[in-house]
């Protein structure tokens, strides 16, 4: 073998190694979902689980969060953007906060509603009175999307109400936001934003809606929050309007923990060890 041939062979191996490393880094960055070629194992679910967006009610009595994991099957990409295809299977969970001084009740995360098979969810927003949650559902078997709302105060199991509106599948990263307890704005297929009356089911183009619009509440006096010793690597991901409820996340290579502070105390909602 000539020196040139040997050099070419070595150079080719190096390029393949670099490409492989690049793919591995891309898989890690995107939560492995975009290059998922088989259903996830239990170990992979533990390793790649994530907590996403959080929404807190105005009275700080409850909050909703996204929890995601790799799919246990290979989802189709047909018709989806790279970002949406990379999104892991995501579920919505509700946490009801016990009243301050109530030590007989423990907060826990419960499914907002029974998830449909093959679906992943995008957390929207809470109505001004905190009773209704908006969200998107993306079916990973046929790439269909739809807009739904669900009453958090309704009987269990909670059942979503679905709306047949021209939802823009390319804008699922824009949460559906409430203007009032009845008016919900969402990214429309036919225009930038549309406004839906959830009582009548009628929607129309919203010329004045924009990314910065949403429900408006009067300014709330900030609570006096004591200084607490939080776990290492804990970072704030959500805060109530008055500051009395703060949600923190610990997301490291070894663990995923969700905790909150209220009434001068720290509460750990869950602490998952990554395998």
Protein backbone atom coordinates (compact mmCIF):
# COMPACT_ATOMS: atom_id res chain seq x y z
CA UNK A 1 0.00 0.00 0.00
CA UNK A 2 1.41 3.39 -0.95
CA UNK A 3 1.84 6.19 1.56
CA UNK A 4 -0.84 8.20 -0.25
CA UNK A 5 -3.31 5.28 -0.11
CA UNK A 6 -2.60 4.69 3.56
CA UNK A 7 -3.05 8.39 4.34
CA UNK A 8 -6.36 8.45 2.44
CA UNK A 9 -7.60 5.43 4.38
CA UNK A 10 -6.64 6.97 7.73
CA UNK A 11 -8.17 10.32 6.74
CA UNK A 12 -11.38 8.55 5.74
CA UNK A 13 -11.58 6.78 9.10
CA UNK A 14 -11.09 10.09 10.91
CA UNK A 15 -13.89 11.68 8.90
CA UNK A 16 -16.22 8.80 9.75
CA UNK A 17 -15.33 9.11 13.43
CA UNK A 18 -16.00 12.86 13.37
CA UNK A 19 -19.31 12.31 11.61
CA UNK A 20 -20.27 9.68 14.18
CA UNK A 21 -19.37 12.04 17.02
CA UNK A 22 -21.41 14.77 15.36
CA UNK A 23 -24.46 12.50 15.14
CA UNK A 24 -24.02 11.48 18.78
CA UNK A 25 -23.85 15.12 19.89
CA UNK A 26 -26.91 15.97 17.80
CA UNK A 27 -28.82 13.08 19.33
CA UNK A 28 -27.86 14.23 22.81
CA UNK A 29 -28.78 17.86 22.07
CA UNK A 30 -32.19 16.98 20.70
CA UNK A 31 -33.01 14.47 23.40
CA UNK A 32 -32.28 11.60 20.99
CA UNK A 33 -35.80 11.82 19.54
CA UNK A 34 -34.92 13.08 16.06
CA UNK A 35 -32.67 10.10 15.33
CA UNK A 36 -34.64 7.54 17.30
CA UNK A 37 -34.60 4.34 15.29
CA UNK A 38 -36.27 2.03 17.78
CA UNK A 39 -38.47 2.17 20.84
CA UNK A 40 -36.77 3.51 23.95
CA UNK A 41 -35.60 1.18 26.68
CA UNK A 42 -36.32 1.80 30.36
CA UNK A 43 -32.76 3.05 30.82
CA UNK A 44 -33.15 5.50 27.93
CA UNK A 45 -36.40 6.86 29.35
CA UNK A 46 -34.67 7.54 32.66
CA UNK A 47 -31.67 9.10 30.94
CA UNK A 48 -33.44 11.40 28.50
CA UNK A 49 -36.55 12.43 30.49
CA UNK A 50 -37.11 16.18 30.64
CA UNK A 51 -39.31 18.80 32.27
CA UNK A 52 -40.53 21.51 29.90
CA UNK A 53 -42.81 24.52 30.29
CA UNK A 54 -44.64 25.35 33.52
CA UNK A 55 -47.83 27.38 34.03
CA UNK A 56 -48.92 28.60 37.48
CA UNK A 57 -52.42 29.80 38.39
CA UNK A 58 -52.75 33.44 39.45
CA UNK A 59 -53.67 32.42 43.01
CA UNK A 60 -50.61 30.11 43.25
CA UNK A 61 -52.83 27.19 44.26
CA UNK A 62 -51.73 24.84 41.46
CA UNK A 63 -49.45 24.53 38.47
CA UNK A 64 -49.17 22.45 35.31
CA UNK A 65 -45.94 21.20 33.75
CA UNK A 66 -44.67 19.23 30.76
CA UNK A 67 -42.78 15.97 31.31
CA UNK A 68 -41.26 14.27 28.28
CA UNK A 69 -39.52 11.02 27.44
CA UNK A 70 -38.30 9.21 24.31
CA UNK A 71 -41.02 7.36 22.41
CA UNK A 72 -41.44 3.64 22.95
CA UNK A 73 -41.95 3.30 19.21
CA UNK A 74 -40.45 5.01 16.17
CA UNK A 75 -42.64 8.05 15.36
CA UNK A 76 -43.08 9.18 11.77
CA UNK A 77 -41.66 12.49 10.63
CA UNK A 78 -43.95 13.00 7.65
CA UNK A 79 -45.04 16.64 7.39
CA UNK A 80 -43.26 17.77 10.57
CA UNK A 81 -40.55 20.33 11.07
CA UNK A 82 -37.21 19.20 12.46
CA UNK A 83 -38.02 20.81 15.80
CA UNK A 84 -41.39 19.09 16.20
CA UNK A 85 -39.95 15.77 15.08
CA UNK A 86 -37.17 16.17 17.66
CA UNK A 87 -39.67 16.81 20.45
CA UNK A 88 -40.02 13.83 22.75
CA UNK A 89 -43.36 12.35 23.75
CA UNK A 90 -44.72 14.94 26.17
CA UNK A 91 -47.45 14.63 28.78
CA UNK A 92 -49.15 17.26 30.95
CA UNK A 93 -49.26 17.00 34.75
CA UNK A 94 -51.19 18.97 37.36
CA UNK A 95 -49.93 19.74 40.87
CA UNK A 96 -52.38 21.05 43.47
CA UNK A 97 -50.61 22.88 46.28
CA UNK A 98 -51.88 22.20 49.83
CA UNK A 99 -52.78 25.29 51.85
CA UNK A 100 -49.99 26.73 53.96
CA UNK A 101 -50.06 24.97 57.32
CA UNK A 102 -51.87 21.91 55.95
CA UNK A 103 -49.40 19.12 56.70
CA UNK A 104 -51.96 16.34 56.25
CA UNK A 105 -52.03 16.74 52.47
CA UNK A 106 -49.08 15.99 50.20
CA UNK A 107 -48.74 17.52 46.74
CA UNK A 108 -48.26 15.09 43.89
CA UNK A 109 -48.28 15.22 40.10
CA UNK A 110 -51.34 13.77 38.37
CA UNK A 111 -52.13 13.50 34.67
CA UNK A 112 -54.28 16.41 33.56
CA UNK A 113 -56.31 13.99 31.40
CA UNK A 114 -55.85 10.50 29.89
CA UNK A 115 -53.47 10.84 26.94
CA UNK A 116 -54.49 9.46 23.56
CA UNK A 117 -52.38 6.66 22.11
CA UNK A 118 -49.62 7.94 19.85
CA UNK A 119 -50.05 11.57 20.90
CA UNK A 120 -47.71 14.20 22.30
CA UNK A 121 -48.85 17.43 23.92
CA UNK A 122 -47.85 21.10 23.99
CA UNK A 123 -48.75 23.08 27.10
CA UNK A 124 -50.72 26.23 26.36
CA UNK A 125 -51.90 28.67 29.00
CA UNK A 126 -54.24 28.99 31.95
CA UNK A 127 -57.38 31.11 31.76
CA UNK A 128 -57.29 34.26 33.95
CA UNK A 129 -59.37 32.54 36.63
CA UNK A 130 -57.05 29.52 36.52
CA UNK A 131 -59.81 27.02 35.88
CA UNK A 132 -59.20 26.08 32.21
CA UNK A 133 -56.03 24.94 30.47
CA UNK A 134 -55.34 25.21 26.74
CA UNK A 135 -53.01 22.87 24.84
CA UNK A 136 -52.18 21.34 21.47
CA UNK A 137 -52.21 17.65 20.61
CA UNK A 138 -49.95 16.24 17.89
CA UNK A 139 -50.65 12.69 16.72
CA UNK A 140 -47.29 11.14 15.86
CA UNK A 141 -48.91 8.38 13.79
CA UNK A 142 -50.57 10.65 11.22
CA UNK A 143 -49.11 14.12 12.07
CA UNK A 144 -52.56 15.61 12.73
CA UNK A 145 -52.80 18.50 15.20
CA UNK A 146 -55.72 19.93 17.13
CA UNK A 147 -56.45 22.53 19.77
CA UNK A 148 -58.07 21.56 23.03
CA UNK A 149 -59.04 22.93 26.43
CA UNK A 150 -59.77 21.12 29.67
CA UNK A 151 -61.39 22.22 32.91
CA UNK A 152 -59.08 21.63 35.87
CA UNK A 153 -62.01 21.81 38.29
CA UNK A 154 -64.14 19.25 36.47
CA UNK A 155 -64.82 15.66 37.54
CA UNK A 156 -62.21 12.97 36.94
CA UNK A 157 -61.19 11.66 34.56
CA UNK A 158 -61.08 15.11 32.99
CA UNK A 159 -62.23 15.16 29.37
CA UNK A 160 -60.83 17.70 26.90
CA UNK A 161 -63.03 19.78 24.62
CA UNK A 162 -61.70 19.83 21.06
CA UNK A 163 -62.06 22.59 18.48
CA UNK A 164 -62.01 22.14 14.72
CA UNK A 165 -59.91 25.20 13.87
CA UNK A 166 -57.20 25.73 11.20
CA UNK A 167 -54.24 25.37 13.57
CA UNK A 168 -50.82 26.18 12.12
CA UNK A 169 -48.72 23.05 12.57
CA UNK A 170 -45.54 25.04 11.94
CA UNK A 171 -46.21 27.26 14.98
CA UNK A 172 -46.80 24.77 17.77
CA UNK A 173 -44.02 26.47 19.73
CA UNK A 174 -46.42 29.41 20.18
CA UNK A 175 -48.75 28.50 23.06
CA UNK A 176 -52.46 29.23 22.83
CA UNK A 177 -53.03 32.20 25.15
CA UNK A 178 -56.11 33.55 26.88
CA UNK A 179 -57.30 37.13 26.51
CA UNK A 180 -60.30 36.55 28.77
CA UNK A 181 -61.89 33.50 30.38
CA UNK A 182 -63.69 32.89 27.06
CA UNK A 183 -61.38 34.25 24.35
CA UNK A 184 -58.36 32.20 23.33
CA UNK A 185 -55.83 33.21 20.69
CA UNK A 186 -53.88 30.63 18.69
CA UNK A 187 -51.59 30.58 15.61
CA UNK A 188 -53.86 30.14 12.62
CA UNK A 189 -53.13 28.42 9.33
CA UNK A 190 -54.83 31.22 7.41
CA UNK A 191 -53.36 34.19 9.31
CA UNK A 192 -50.85 35.12 11.96
CA UNK A 193 -53.24 34.69 14.88
CA UNK A 194 -56.90 33.83 15.30
CA UNK A 195 -59.27 34.34 18.20
CA UNK A 196 -61.52 31.54 19.44
CA UNK A 197 -64.59 31.96 21.62
CA UNK A 198 -64.52 28.72 23.62
CA UNK A 199 -68.18 29.11 24.62
CA UNK A 200 -69.50 29.26 21.05
CA UNK A 201 -66.66 27.53 19.18
CA UNK A 202 -66.53 30.42 16.69
CA UNK A 203 -63.09 31.67 15.61
CA UNK A 204 -62.00 34.61 13.49
CA UNK A 205 -58.85 36.41 12.39
CA UNK A 206 -57.28 38.51 15.15
CA UNK A 207 -55.50 41.47 13.57
CA UNK A 208 -54.39 42.95 16.89
CA UNK A 209 -53.05 39.73 18.40
CA UNK A 210 -49.31 39.30 18.71
CA UNK A 211 -46.64 37.33 20.49
CA UNK A 212 -46.72 39.65 23.48
CA UNK A 213 -50.49 39.54 23.96
CA UNK A 214 -52.13 37.37 26.56
CA UNK A 215 -54.38 37.47 29.58
CA UNK A 216 -54.01 40.59 31.69
CA UNK A 217 -54.38 40.71 35.46
CA UNK A 218 -53.97 43.66 37.83
CA UNK A 219 -50.53 44.03 39.44
CA UNK A 220 -50.14 41.81 42.48
CA UNK A 221 -48.14 42.80 45.55
CA UNK A 222 -45.02 40.67 45.78
CA UNK A 223 -44.85 38.32 48.74
CA UNK A 224 -41.95 38.49 51.18
CA UNK A 225 -40.01 35.33 50.38
CA UNK A 226 -37.49 34.04 52.96
CA UNK A 227 -34.05 32.99 51.82
CA UNK A 228 -33.97 29.19 51.58
CA UNK A 229 -31.11 26.77 51.04
CA UNK A 230 -31.90 25.05 47.77
CA UNK A 231 -30.22 21.93 46.38
CA UNK A 232 -27.13 22.44 44.28
CA UNK A 233 -27.86 23.07 40.59
CA UNK A 234 -31.48 24.08 41.29
CA UNK A 235 -32.70 26.77 38.91
CA UNK A 236 -35.95 28.70 38.88
CA UNK A 237 -38.26 27.81 35.98
CA UNK A 238 -41.54 29.42 37.05
CA UNK A 239 -42.86 31.92 39.58
CA UNK A 240 -46.37 32.97 40.57
CA UNK A 241 -47.42 36.57 39.98
CA UNK A 242 -47.16 37.39 43.67
CA UNK A 243 -43.92 35.47 44.12
CA UNK A 244 -45.26 33.22 46.87
CA UNK A 245 -44.87 30.05 44.77
CA UNK A 246 -41.63 29.33 42.91
CA UNK A 247 -40.90 26.16 40.94
CA UNK A 248 -37.33 24.90 40.61
CA UNK A 249 -35.70 22.25 38.45
CA UNK A 250 -32.55 20.20 38.99
CA UNK A 251 -31.51 18.72 35.64
CA UNK A 252 -28.08 17.09 35.66
CA UNK A 253 -26.46 14.02 34.16
CA UNK A 254 -27.31 12.07 37.31
CA UNK A 255 -30.79 13.26 38.30
CA UNK A 256 -33.98 15.10 37.36
CA UNK A 257 -35.82 16.74 40.24
CA UNK A 258 -38.77 19.10 40.43
CA UNK A 259 -39.38 21.09 43.59
CA UNK A 260 -41.20 24.20 44.71
CA UNK A 261 -41.12 26.68 47.56
CA UNK A 262 -44.12 28.15 49.35
CA UNK A 263 -44.77 29.42 52.84
CA UNK A 264 -41.07 29.48 53.66
CA UNK A 265 -40.59 25.78 52.98
CA UNK A 266 -39.08 23.62 50.23
CA UNK A 267 -41.12 20.75 48.82
CA UNK A 268 -39.68 18.06 46.56
CA UNK A 269 -42.25 16.88 44.05
CA UNK A 270 -40.09 14.13 42.59
CA UNK A 271 -36.43 13.17 42.41
CA UNK A 272 -35.59 10.78 39.57
CA UNK A 273 -32.15 9.24 39.33
CA UNK A 274 -30.87 8.86 35.80
CA UNK A 275 -29.54 5.35 35.17
